[in-house]
Amino acid sequence: MPLDITFTLSEEDLEHFKKVLDETKKNLGSMSSESVINKAKSVSESIDDSVPEFIASRLSNLDILVKMAEDPQWDLEQEEKEDIFCALAYFSNEHDMIADDVPVLGLLDDAIMVELVSLDLQEDIEAYTEFCKYRESSSNPEPSKQEWLDTKRRELYSRMRNRRRSRRSGGTSGFKGIFR
């Protein structure tokens, strides 16, 4: 029999996660992008049948963030790339709230962070997901395919940035806006 458990993160709780990400962002320059990506992949790959579904389902966005960072055709501006690397760098932190090797709950703080970051990068994730679907559906020959993808990418960037500006100018409170 399934059991629903709900908890609310207070403003103080959200502030704690913001501080952790701020510290991560400060240390980002001392980390190589390769090590950041590899550690995030390691966390993602550690998800197996022993990880509860309520954690595994939230960590699925970690894969999308990694793909966004590695995809050469999804050529983001530097500031947007830094947001993604900052989010991924959290998983390089050896001293996170709950040690990852704690059975069942070790990835709970990671799942919460991915959920919060995913809310903030929602427009980016949606645009990237649509870009991937668009790219996969392409049957154009290679030379025109690149031009075709460039046009679609510019369209999605514009929509993504407009939605992000609109959401942030709407005064949304809570965790959203962590990167600005």
C-alpha atoms as a PDB file:
ATOM      1  CA  MET A   1       0.000   0.000   0.000  1.00  0.00           C
ATOM      2  CA  PRO A   2       1.561   3.337  -1.062  1.00  0.00           C
ATOM      3  CA  LEU A   3       1.986   6.083   1.492  1.00  0.00           C
ATOM      4  CA  ASP A   4       2.079   9.793   0.672  1.00  0.00           C
ATOM      5  CA  ILE A   5       4.407  11.899   2.787  1.00  0.00           C
ATOM      6  CA  THR A   6       4.535  15.614   2.208  1.00  0.00           C
ATOM      7  CA  PHE A   7       6.881  18.135   3.718  1.00  0.00           C
ATOM      8  CA  THR A   8       7.258  21.840   3.255  1.00  0.00           C
ATOM      9  CA  LEU A   9      10.555  23.642   2.943  1.00  0.00           C
ATOM     10  CA  SER A  10      10.386  26.888   4.877  1.00  0.00           C
ATOM     11  CA  GLU A  11      12.038  30.090   3.705  1.00  0.00           C
ATOM     12  CA  GLU A  12      14.880  29.244   6.108  1.00  0.00           C
ATOM     13  CA  ASP A  13      15.217  25.779   4.570  1.00  0.00           C
ATOM     14  CA  LEU A  14      15.306  27.282   1.085  1.00  0.00           C
ATOM     15  CA  GLU A  15      17.847  29.834   2.269  1.00  0.00           C
ATOM     16  CA  HIS A  16      20.067  26.977   3.457  1.00  0.00           C
ATOM     17  CA  PHE A  17      20.017  25.379   0.000  1.00  0.00           C
ATOM     18  CA  LYS A  18      20.689  28.780  -1.603  1.00  0.00           C
ATOM     19  CA  LYS A  19      23.719  29.247   0.647  1.00  0.00           C
ATOM     20  CA  VAL A  20      25.022  25.798  -0.277  1.00  0.00           C
ATOM     21  CA  LEU A  21      24.685  26.633  -3.980  1.00  0.00           C
ATOM     22  CA  ASP A  22      26.294  30.051  -3.445  1.00  0.00           C
ATOM     23  CA  GLU A  23      29.285  28.358  -1.803  1.00  0.00           C
ATOM     24  CA  THR A  24      29.407  25.851  -4.629  1.00  0.00           C
ATOM     25  CA  LYS A  25      29.348  28.682  -7.164  1.00  0.00           C
ATOM     26  CA  LYS A  26      32.278  30.389  -5.387  1.00  0.00           C
ATOM     27  CA  ASN A  27      34.313  27.183  -5.613  1.00  0.00           C
ATOM     28  CA  LEU A  28      33.308  26.416  -9.185  1.00  0.00           C
ATOM     29  CA  GLY A  29      36.476  27.983 -10.614  1.00  0.00           C
ATOM     30  CA  SER A  30      38.652  25.470  -8.763  1.00  0.00           C
ATOM     31  CA  MET A  31      36.790  22.511 -10.267  1.00  0.00           C
ATOM     32  CA  SER A  32      37.324  21.194 -13.755  1.00  0.00           C
ATOM     33  CA  SER A  33      34.216  20.821 -15.886  1.00  0.00           C
ATOM     34  CA  GLU A  34      35.211  17.209 -16.506  1.00  0.00           C
ATOM     35  CA  SER A  35      35.315  16.380 -12.785  1.00  0.00           C
ATOM     36  CA  VAL A  36      31.981  18.133 -12.199  1.00  0.00           C
ATOM     37  CA  ILE A  37      30.338  16.177 -15.024  1.00  0.00           C
ATOM     38  CA  ASN A  38      31.897  12.882 -13.923  1.00  0.00           C
ATOM     39  CA  LYS A  39      30.737  13.271 -10.317  1.00  0.00           C
ATOM     40  CA  ALA A  40      27.181  14.144 -11.418  1.00  0.00           C
ATOM     41  CA  LYS A  41      27.209  11.095 -13.714  1.00  0.00           C
ATOM     42  CA  SER A  42      28.458   8.979 -10.818  1.00  0.00           C
ATOM     43  CA  VAL A  43      25.525  10.079  -8.649  1.00  0.00           C
ATOM     44  CA  SER A  44      23.125   9.456 -11.513  1.00  0.00           C
ATOM     45  CA  GLU A  45      24.590   6.006 -12.191  1.00  0.00           C
ATOM     46  CA  SER A  46      24.332   5.069  -8.503  1.00  0.00           C
ATOM     47  CA  ILE A  47      20.557   5.028  -8.826  1.00  0.00           C
ATOM     48  CA  ASP A  48      19.454   1.427  -8.700  1.00  0.00           C
ATOM     49  CA  ASP A  49      16.585  -0.613  -7.293  1.00  0.00           C
ATOM     50  CA  SER A  50      17.673   0.161  -3.729  1.00  0.00           C
ATOM     51  CA  VAL A  51      16.986   3.888  -4.233  1.00  0.00           C
ATOM     52  CA  PRO A  52      13.372   4.733  -3.393  1.00  0.00           C
ATOM     53  CA  GLU A  53      11.243   5.917  -6.337  1.00  0.00           C
ATOM     54  CA  PHE A  54      10.505   9.285  -4.700  1.00  0.00           C
ATOM     55  CA  ILE A  55      14.247  10.001  -4.838  1.00  0.00           C
ATOM     56  CA  ALA A  56      15.032   8.311  -8.171  1.00  0.00           C
ATOM     57  CA  SER A  57      12.259  10.182  -9.988  1.00  0.00           C
ATOM     58  CA  ARG A  58      13.672  13.541  -8.894  1.00  0.00           C
ATOM     59  CA  LEU A  59      17.225  12.609  -9.779  1.00  0.00           C
ATOM     60  CA  SER A  60      16.164  11.894 -13.372  1.00  0.00           C
ATOM     61  CA  ASN A  61      16.595  15.602 -14.144  1.00  0.00           C
ATOM     62  CA  LEU A  62      20.257  15.212 -13.222  1.00  0.00           C
ATOM     63  CA  ASP A  63      20.716  13.237 -16.458  1.00  0.00           C
ATOM     64  CA  ILE A  64      19.118  16.045 -18.452  1.00  0.00           C
ATOM     65  CA  LEU A  65      21.408  18.649 -16.848  1.00  0.00           C
ATOM     66  CA  VAL A  66      24.464  16.526 -17.686  1.00  0.00           C
ATOM     67  CA  LYS A  67      23.321  16.130 -21.286  1.00  0.00           C
ATOM     68  CA  MET A  68      22.701  19.883 -21.567  1.00  0.00           C
ATOM     69  CA  ALA A  69      26.232  20.550 -20.354  1.00  0.00           C
ATOM     70  CA  GLU A  70      27.825  18.039 -22.724  1.00  0.00           C
ATOM     71  CA  ASP A  71      25.762  18.597 -25.874  1.00  0.00           C
ATOM     72  CA  PRO A  72      27.898  20.515 -28.403  1.00  0.00           C
ATOM     73  CA  GLN A  73      24.830  21.373 -30.481  1.00  0.00           C
ATOM     74  CA  TRP A  74      23.084  22.981 -27.483  1.00  0.00           C
ATOM     75  CA  ASP A  75      25.502  25.884 -27.432  1.00  0.00           C
ATOM     76  CA  LEU A  76      24.384  28.040 -24.481  1.00  0.00           C
ATOM     77  CA  GLU A  77      25.789  31.416 -23.519  1.00  0.00           C
ATOM     78  CA  GLN A  78      28.556  31.284 -20.902  1.00  0.00           C
ATOM     79  CA  GLU A  79      26.351  32.529 -18.042  1.00  0.00           C
ATOM     80  CA  GLU A  80      23.761  29.825 -18.737  1.00  0.00           C
ATOM     81  CA  LYS A  81      26.478  27.161 -18.923  1.00  0.00           C
ATOM     82  CA  GLU A  82      27.775  28.342 -15.540  1.00  0.00           C
ATOM     83  CA  ASP A  83      24.293  27.941 -14.026  1.00  0.00           C
ATOM     84  CA  ILE A  84      24.192  24.327 -15.165  1.00  0.00           C
ATOM     85  CA  PHE A  85      27.747  23.611 -13.984  1.00  0.00           C
ATOM     86  CA  CYS A  86      26.958  25.217 -10.629  1.00  0.00           C
ATOM     87  CA  ALA A  87      23.950  22.944 -10.257  1.00  0.00           C
ATOM     88  CA  LEU A  88      26.045  19.912 -11.227  1.00  0.00           C
ATOM     89  CA  ALA A  89      28.956  20.966  -8.994  1.00  0.00           C
ATOM     90  CA  TYR A  90      26.777  20.456  -5.923  1.00  0.00           C
ATOM     91  CA  PHE A  91      27.210  16.730  -6.507  1.00  0.00           C
ATOM     92  CA  SER A  92      30.994  17.104  -6.228  1.00  0.00           C
ATOM     93  CA  ASN A  93      30.572  18.250  -2.639  1.00  0.00           C
ATOM     94  CA  GLU A  94      31.873  15.478  -0.413  1.00  0.00           C
ATOM     95  CA  HIS A  95      30.233  17.077   2.639  1.00  0.00           C
ATOM     96  CA  ASP A  96      26.629  17.382   1.588  1.00  0.00           C
ATOM     97  CA  MET A  97      23.840  17.267   4.179  1.00  0.00           C
ATOM     98  CA  ILE A  98      23.328  13.496   4.093  1.00  0.00           C
ATOM     99  CA  ALA A  99      26.234  11.257   3.127  1.00  0.00           C
ATOM    100  CA  ASP A 100      25.373   9.502  -0.124  1.00  0.00           C
ATOM    101  CA  ASP A 101      26.296   6.094   1.292  1.00  0.00           C
ATOM    102  CA  VAL A 102      23.574   6.228   3.992  1.00  0.00           C
ATOM    103  CA  PRO A 103      21.111   3.495   3.000  1.00  0.00           C
ATOM    104  CA  VAL A 104      17.756   4.604   1.554  1.00  0.00           C
ATOM    105  CA  LEU A 105      18.048   8.320   2.431  1.00  0.00           C
ATOM    106  CA  GLY A 106      21.624   9.103   1.356  1.00  0.00           C
ATOM    107  CA  LEU A 107      20.480  10.765  -1.853  1.00  0.00           C
ATOM    108  CA  LEU A 108      17.518  12.644  -0.333  1.00  0.00           C
ATOM    109  CA  ASP A 109      19.350  15.980  -0.083  1.00  0.00           C
ATOM    110  CA  ASP A 110      20.618  15.474  -3.642  1.00  0.00           C
ATOM    111  CA  ALA A 111      17.060  14.839  -4.836  1.00  0.00           C
ATOM    112  CA  ILE A 112      15.858  17.992  -3.077  1.00  0.00           C
ATOM    113  CA  MET A 113      18.635  20.040  -4.673  1.00  0.00           C
ATOM    114  CA  VAL A 114      17.911  18.651  -8.147  1.00  0.00           C
ATOM    115  CA  GLU A 115      14.221  19.421  -7.648  1.00  0.00           C
ATOM    116  CA  LEU A 116      14.965  23.011  -6.592  1.00  0.00           C
ATOM    117  CA  VAL A 117      17.464  23.597  -9.387  1.00  0.00           C
ATOM    118  CA  SER A 118      15.075  22.039 -11.903  1.00  0.00           C
ATOM    119  CA  LEU A 119      12.405  24.516 -10.857  1.00  0.00           C
ATOM    120  CA  ASP A 120      14.826  27.370 -11.460  1.00  0.00           C
ATOM    121  CA  LEU A 121      16.028  25.960 -14.784  1.00  0.00           C
ATOM    122  CA  GLN A 122      12.589  24.761 -15.856  1.00  0.00           C
ATOM    123  CA  GLU A 123      12.531  26.832 -19.052  1.00  0.00           C
ATOM    124  CA  ASP A 124      16.029  25.641 -19.972  1.00  0.00           C
ATOM    125  CA  ILE A 125      15.128  21.977 -19.422  1.00  0.00           C
ATOM    126  CA  GLU A 126      11.896  22.291 -21.418  1.00  0.00           C
ATOM    127  CA  ALA A 127      13.677  24.022 -24.298  1.00  0.00           C
ATOM    128  CA  TYR A 128      16.493  21.454 -24.334  1.00  0.00           C
ATOM    129  CA  THR A 129      14.039  18.549 -24.237  1.00  0.00           C
ATOM    130  CA  GLU A 130      12.137  20.044 -27.172  1.00  0.00           C
ATOM    131  CA  PHE A 131      15.409  20.640 -29.039  1.00  0.00           C
ATOM    132  CA  CYS A 132      16.372  16.966 -28.595  1.00  0.00           C
ATOM    133  CA  LYS A 133      12.991  15.793 -29.872  1.00  0.00           C
ATOM    134  CA  TYR A 134      13.273  18.166 -32.829  1.00  0.00           C
ATOM    135  CA  ARG A 135      16.801  16.958 -33.591  1.00  0.00           C
ATOM    136  CA  GLU A 136      15.772  13.296 -33.404  1.00  0.00           C
ATOM    137  CA  SER A 137      12.850  13.837 -35.769  1.00  0.00           C
ATOM    138  CA  SER A 138      15.099  15.369 -38.411  1.00  0.00           C
ATOM    139  CA  SER A 139      15.375  13.537 -41.687  1.00  0.00           C
ATOM    140  CA  ASN A 140      17.212  16.349 -43.455  1.00  0.00           C
ATOM    141  CA  PRO A 141      20.595  15.715 -45.091  1.00  0.00           C
ATOM    142  CA  GLU A 142      23.548  16.697 -42.900  1.00  0.00           C
ATOM    143  CA  PRO A 143      24.522  20.114 -44.386  1.00  0.00           C
ATOM    144  CA  SER A 144      21.023  21.560 -44.145  1.00  0.00           C
ATOM    145  CA  LYS A 145      20.351  19.762 -40.869  1.00  0.00           C
ATOM    146  CA  GLN A 146      22.880  21.951 -39.069  1.00  0.00           C
ATOM    147  CA  GLU A 147      21.245  25.101 -40.403  1.00  0.00           C
ATOM    148  CA  TRP A 148      17.862  23.687 -39.474  1.00  0.00           C
ATOM    149  CA  LEU A 149      19.038  22.906 -35.918  1.00  0.00           C
ATOM    150  CA  ASP A 150      20.619  26.355 -35.538  1.00  0.00           C
ATOM    151  CA  THR A 151      17.311  28.006 -36.429  1.00  0.00           C
ATOM    152  CA  LYS A 152      15.377  25.822 -33.989  1.00  0.00           C
ATOM    153  CA  ARG A 153      17.956  26.390 -31.231  1.00  0.00           C
ATOM    154  CA  ARG A 154      17.723  30.184 -31.639  1.00  0.00           C
ATOM    155  CA  GLU A 155      13.930  29.975 -31.490  1.00  0.00           C
ATOM    156  CA  LEU A 156      14.053  27.872 -28.314  1.00  0.00           C
ATOM    157  CA  TYR A 157      16.681  30.126 -26.678  1.00  0.00           C
ATOM    158  CA  SER A 158      14.480  33.144 -27.309  1.00  0.00           C
ATOM    159  CA  ARG A 159      11.400  31.463 -25.874  1.00  0.00           C
ATOM    160  CA  MET A 160      13.351  30.086 -22.900  1.00  0.00           C
ATOM    161  CA  ARG A 161      14.835  33.472 -22.014  1.00  0.00           C
ATOM    162  CA  ASN A 162      11.539  35.316 -22.461  1.00  0.00           C
ATOM    163  CA  ARG A 163       9.746  32.850 -20.180  1.00  0.00           C
ATOM    164  CA  ARG A 164      12.535  33.080 -17.602  1.00  0.00           C
ATOM    165  CA  ARG A 165      12.402  36.908 -17.632  1.00  0.00           C
ATOM    166  CA  SER A 166       8.630  36.854 -17.364  1.00  0.00           C
ATOM    167  CA  ARG A 167       8.680  34.446 -14.410  1.00  0.00           C
ATOM    168  CA  ARG A 168      11.397  36.365 -12.572  1.00  0.00           C
ATOM    169  CA  SER A 169       9.795  39.758 -13.140  1.00  0.00           C
ATOM    170  CA  GLY A 170       6.552  38.319 -11.747  1.00  0.00           C
ATOM    171  CA  GLY A 171       8.113  38.347  -8.287  1.00  0.00           C
ATOM    172  CA  THR A 172       8.111  34.595  -7.770  1.00  0.00           C
ATOM    173  CA  SER A 173       9.362  33.858  -4.291  1.00  0.00           C
ATOM    174  CA  GLY A 174      11.019  30.814  -2.825  1.00  0.00           C
ATOM    175  CA  PHE A 175      13.991  29.084  -4.356  1.00  0.00           C
ATOM    176  CA  LYS A 176      13.444  30.268  -7.909  1.00  0.00           C
ATOM    177  CA  GLY A 177      15.992  32.770  -9.067  1.00  0.00           C
ATOM    178  CA  ILE A 178      18.908  31.110  -7.269  1.00  0.00           C
ATOM    179  CA  PHE A 179      21.267  31.915 -10.118  1.00  0.00           C
ATOM    180  CA  ARG A 180      20.532  35.646 -10.290  1.00  0.00           C
END
